[in-house]
Amino acid sequence: MSLKRAEEVKGYDKLSDTSKAIFKKFLGNFYKRWEYPEKHIPEKVKLVKDKADGEYLRVDFTTMWLHVKNSTTWY
């Protein structure tokens, strides 16, 4: 199974240019750092504005979802 490019993830086209850049950098870092990234395929991404957590990208994978604060900080 091949890894998805950022542009192939549902919702990418609705992000601002800044959020697109963050998501692209995050995805590259995620693929490099995560063991077996092909098991965790991103399905959709969206910008979330939350009073408690602030602004973040929510990235839904086939196996989980992550808060992405920037290209190197996610949980």
N, C-alpha and C. Protein backbone atom coordinates (compact mmCIF):
# COMPACT_ATOMS: atom_id res chain seq x y z
N MET A 1 0.85 -1.18 0.00
CA MET A 1 0.00 0.00 0.00
C MET A 1 0.89 1.25 0.00
N SER A 2 0.58 2.20 -0.84
CA SER A 2 1.40 3.41 -0.90
C SER A 2 0.86 4.46 0.07
N LEU A 3 1.74 5.39 0.41
CA LEU A 3 1.36 6.46 1.32
C LEU A 3 0.64 7.56 0.56
N LYS A 4 -0.40 8.13 1.17
CA LYS A 4 -1.17 9.19 0.54
C LYS A 4 -0.41 10.51 0.58
N ARG A 5 -0.53 11.26 -0.48
CA ARG A 5 -0.02 12.63 -0.51
C ARG A 5 -1.05 13.52 0.18
N ALA A 6 -0.59 14.63 0.72
CA ALA A 6 -1.47 15.55 1.44
C ALA A 6 -2.66 15.97 0.58
N GLU A 7 -2.41 16.23 -0.69
CA GLU A 7 -3.46 16.70 -1.60
C GLU A 7 -4.55 15.66 -1.84
N GLU A 8 -4.28 14.41 -1.53
CA GLU A 8 -5.25 13.33 -1.73
C GLU A 8 -6.18 13.12 -0.54
N VAL A 9 -5.92 13.80 0.56
CA VAL A 9 -6.70 13.62 1.78
C VAL A 9 -7.95 14.50 1.72
N LYS A 10 -9.10 13.91 2.00
CA LYS A 10 -10.37 14.63 1.99
C LYS A 10 -10.30 15.83 2.93
N GLY A 11 -10.73 16.99 2.46
CA GLY A 11 -10.74 18.21 3.26
C GLY A 11 -9.53 19.10 3.04
N TYR A 12 -8.48 18.55 2.44
CA TYR A 12 -7.26 19.34 2.20
C TYR A 12 -7.58 20.60 1.39
N ASP A 13 -8.39 20.46 0.38
CA ASP A 13 -8.69 21.58 -0.51
C ASP A 13 -9.47 22.70 0.18
N LYS A 14 -10.05 22.43 1.35
CA LYS A 14 -10.82 23.44 2.08
C LYS A 14 -9.95 24.21 3.10
N LEU A 15 -8.70 23.78 3.29
CA LEU A 15 -7.81 24.43 4.25
C LEU A 15 -7.24 25.71 3.68
N SER A 16 -6.86 26.62 4.57
CA SER A 16 -6.15 27.84 4.14
C SER A 16 -4.75 27.45 3.67
N ASP A 17 -4.09 28.35 2.99
CA ASP A 17 -2.73 28.07 2.53
C ASP A 17 -1.80 27.75 3.70
N THR A 18 -1.95 28.46 4.80
CA THR A 18 -1.13 28.23 5.99
C THR A 18 -1.38 26.83 6.55
N SER A 19 -2.65 26.45 6.67
CA SER A 19 -3.00 25.11 7.18
C SER A 19 -2.54 24.02 6.23
N LYS A 20 -2.61 24.26 4.93
CA LYS A 20 -2.13 23.29 3.94
C LYS A 20 -0.64 23.04 4.13
N ALA A 21 0.12 24.12 4.34
CA ALA A 21 1.57 23.99 4.53
C ALA A 21 1.88 23.20 5.80
N ILE A 22 1.17 23.51 6.88
CA ILE A 22 1.36 22.77 8.14
C ILE A 22 1.04 21.30 7.94
N PHE A 23 -0.08 21.00 7.28
CA PHE A 23 -0.48 19.61 7.08
C PHE A 23 0.53 18.85 6.23
N LYS A 24 1.02 19.47 5.16
CA LYS A 24 2.02 18.82 4.31
C LYS A 24 3.28 18.49 5.09
N LYS A 25 3.77 19.45 5.88
CA LYS A 25 4.98 19.23 6.67
C LYS A 25 4.74 18.18 7.74
N PHE A 26 3.57 18.26 8.41
CA PHE A 26 3.23 17.26 9.42
C PHE A 26 3.23 15.86 8.81
N LEU A 27 2.57 15.70 7.66
CA LEU A 27 2.44 14.38 7.06
C LEU A 27 3.81 13.81 6.70
N GLY A 28 4.70 14.63 6.18
CA GLY A 28 6.06 14.18 5.90
C GLY A 28 6.77 13.73 7.16
N ASN A 29 6.65 14.52 8.24
CA ASN A 29 7.26 14.15 9.52
C ASN A 29 6.64 12.87 10.08
N PHE A 30 5.33 12.77 10.00
CA PHE A 30 4.62 11.59 10.50
C PHE A 30 5.12 10.33 9.79
N TYR A 31 5.20 10.39 8.47
CA TYR A 31 5.65 9.22 7.69
C TYR A 31 7.08 8.83 8.05
N LYS A 32 7.94 9.81 8.34
CA LYS A 32 9.34 9.52 8.67
C LYS A 32 9.49 8.96 10.07
N ARG A 33 8.66 9.40 11.00
CA ARG A 33 8.85 9.07 12.41
C ARG A 33 8.01 7.90 12.90
N TRP A 34 6.89 7.64 12.25
CA TRP A 34 5.97 6.60 12.72
C TRP A 34 6.41 5.25 12.17
N GLU A 35 6.45 4.26 13.03
CA GLU A 35 6.78 2.92 12.56
C GLU A 35 5.59 2.38 11.76
N TYR A 36 5.84 1.87 10.60
CA TYR A 36 4.82 1.34 9.69
C TYR A 36 3.72 2.37 9.40
N PRO A 37 4.08 3.53 8.85
CA PRO A 37 3.06 4.55 8.57
C PRO A 37 2.00 4.07 7.58
N GLU A 38 2.32 3.07 6.77
CA GLU A 38 1.33 2.57 5.80
C GLU A 38 0.14 1.91 6.48
N LYS A 39 0.24 1.62 7.78
CA LYS A 39 -0.90 1.07 8.54
C LYS A 39 -1.84 2.17 9.03
N HIS A 40 -1.41 3.41 8.91
CA HIS A 40 -2.17 4.56 9.41
C HIS A 40 -2.37 5.55 8.28
N ILE A 41 -3.33 5.28 7.43
CA ILE A 41 -3.57 6.11 6.25
C ILE A 41 -4.49 7.28 6.60
N PRO A 42 -4.08 8.53 6.31
CA PRO A 42 -4.95 9.67 6.60
C PRO A 42 -6.17 9.65 5.67
N GLU A 43 -7.35 9.82 6.27
CA GLU A 43 -8.59 9.81 5.49
C GLU A 43 -9.17 11.20 5.30
N LYS A 44 -9.09 12.06 6.35
CA LYS A 44 -9.61 13.41 6.21
C LYS A 44 -8.92 14.35 7.19
N VAL A 45 -8.98 15.63 6.86
CA VAL A 45 -8.36 16.67 7.67
C VAL A 45 -9.30 17.87 7.71
N LYS A 46 -9.34 18.54 8.87
CA LYS A 46 -10.13 19.76 8.97
C LYS A 46 -9.55 20.64 10.07
N LEU A 47 -9.77 21.94 9.94
CA LEU A 47 -9.34 22.90 10.95
C LEU A 47 -10.41 22.96 12.03
N VAL A 48 -9.96 22.88 13.28
CA VAL A 48 -10.87 22.96 14.43
C VAL A 48 -10.45 24.14 15.30
N LYS A 49 -11.43 24.92 15.71
CA LYS A 49 -11.18 26.02 16.64
C LYS A 49 -11.91 25.68 17.93
N ASP A 50 -11.13 25.47 18.99
CA ASP A 50 -11.67 24.99 20.25
C ASP A 50 -11.21 25.93 21.37
N LYS A 51 -12.12 26.29 22.26
CA LYS A 51 -11.75 27.19 23.36
C LYS A 51 -10.68 26.58 24.25
N ALA A 52 -10.80 25.31 24.56
CA ALA A 52 -9.85 24.66 25.46
C ALA A 52 -8.51 24.36 24.79
N ASP A 53 -8.54 23.86 23.56
CA ASP A 53 -7.31 23.43 22.88
C ASP A 53 -6.78 24.43 21.88
N GLY A 54 -7.50 25.49 21.61
CA GLY A 54 -7.08 26.46 20.60
C GLY A 54 -7.35 25.92 19.21
N GLU A 55 -6.62 26.44 18.25
CA GLU A 55 -6.80 26.04 16.86
C GLU A 55 -5.86 24.88 16.54
N TYR A 56 -6.38 23.87 15.86
CA TYR A 56 -5.56 22.72 15.47
C TYR A 56 -6.17 22.05 14.26
N LEU A 57 -5.38 21.22 13.61
CA LEU A 57 -5.89 20.39 12.53
C LEU A 57 -6.27 19.04 13.11
N ARG A 58 -7.46 18.60 12.83
CA ARG A 58 -7.86 17.25 13.21
C ARG A 58 -7.62 16.36 11.99
N VAL A 59 -6.76 15.36 12.18
CA VAL A 59 -6.45 14.44 11.10
C VAL A 59 -6.99 13.07 11.48
N ASP A 60 -7.95 12.58 10.70
CA ASP A 60 -8.53 11.27 10.92
C ASP A 60 -7.81 10.25 10.05
N PHE A 61 -7.29 9.21 10.69
CA PHE A 61 -6.62 8.11 10.01
C PHE A 61 -7.54 6.90 10.02
N THR A 62 -7.14 5.85 9.35
CA THR A 62 -7.93 4.62 9.35
C THR A 62 -7.97 3.99 10.74
N THR A 63 -6.99 4.31 11.60
CA THR A 63 -6.86 3.64 12.89
C THR A 63 -7.02 4.55 14.10
N MET A 64 -7.02 5.88 13.89
CA MET A 64 -7.01 6.83 15.02
C MET A 64 -7.25 8.23 14.47
N TRP A 65 -7.21 9.22 15.36
CA TRP A 65 -7.20 10.62 14.92
C TRP A 65 -6.23 11.39 15.79
N LEU A 66 -5.69 12.47 15.25
CA LEU A 66 -4.70 13.27 15.97
C LEU A 66 -5.04 14.75 15.92
N HIS A 67 -4.68 15.46 17.02
CA HIS A 67 -4.64 16.92 17.02
C HIS A 67 -3.28 17.29 16.44
N VAL A 68 -3.24 18.13 15.44
CA VAL A 68 -1.97 18.60 14.89
C VAL A 68 -1.87 20.10 15.17
N LYS A 69 -0.97 20.47 16.08
CA LYS A 69 -0.79 21.87 16.44
C LYS A 69 0.15 22.57 15.47
N ASN A 70 1.17 21.85 15.02
CA ASN A 70 2.09 22.34 13.99
C ASN A 70 2.76 21.13 13.37
N SER A 71 3.74 21.35 12.52
CA SER A 71 4.30 20.22 11.78
C SER A 71 5.07 19.23 12.64
N THR A 72 5.44 19.62 13.85
CA THR A 72 6.20 18.70 14.72
C THR A 72 5.50 18.40 16.06
N THR A 73 4.34 18.99 16.28
CA THR A 73 3.62 18.76 17.55
C THR A 73 2.23 18.20 17.25
N TRP A 74 2.04 16.96 17.65
CA TRP A 74 0.74 16.34 17.50
C TRP A 74 0.51 15.36 18.64
N TYR A 75 -0.76 15.12 18.94
CA TYR A 75 -1.12 14.17 20.00
C TYR A 75 -2.49 13.60 19.75
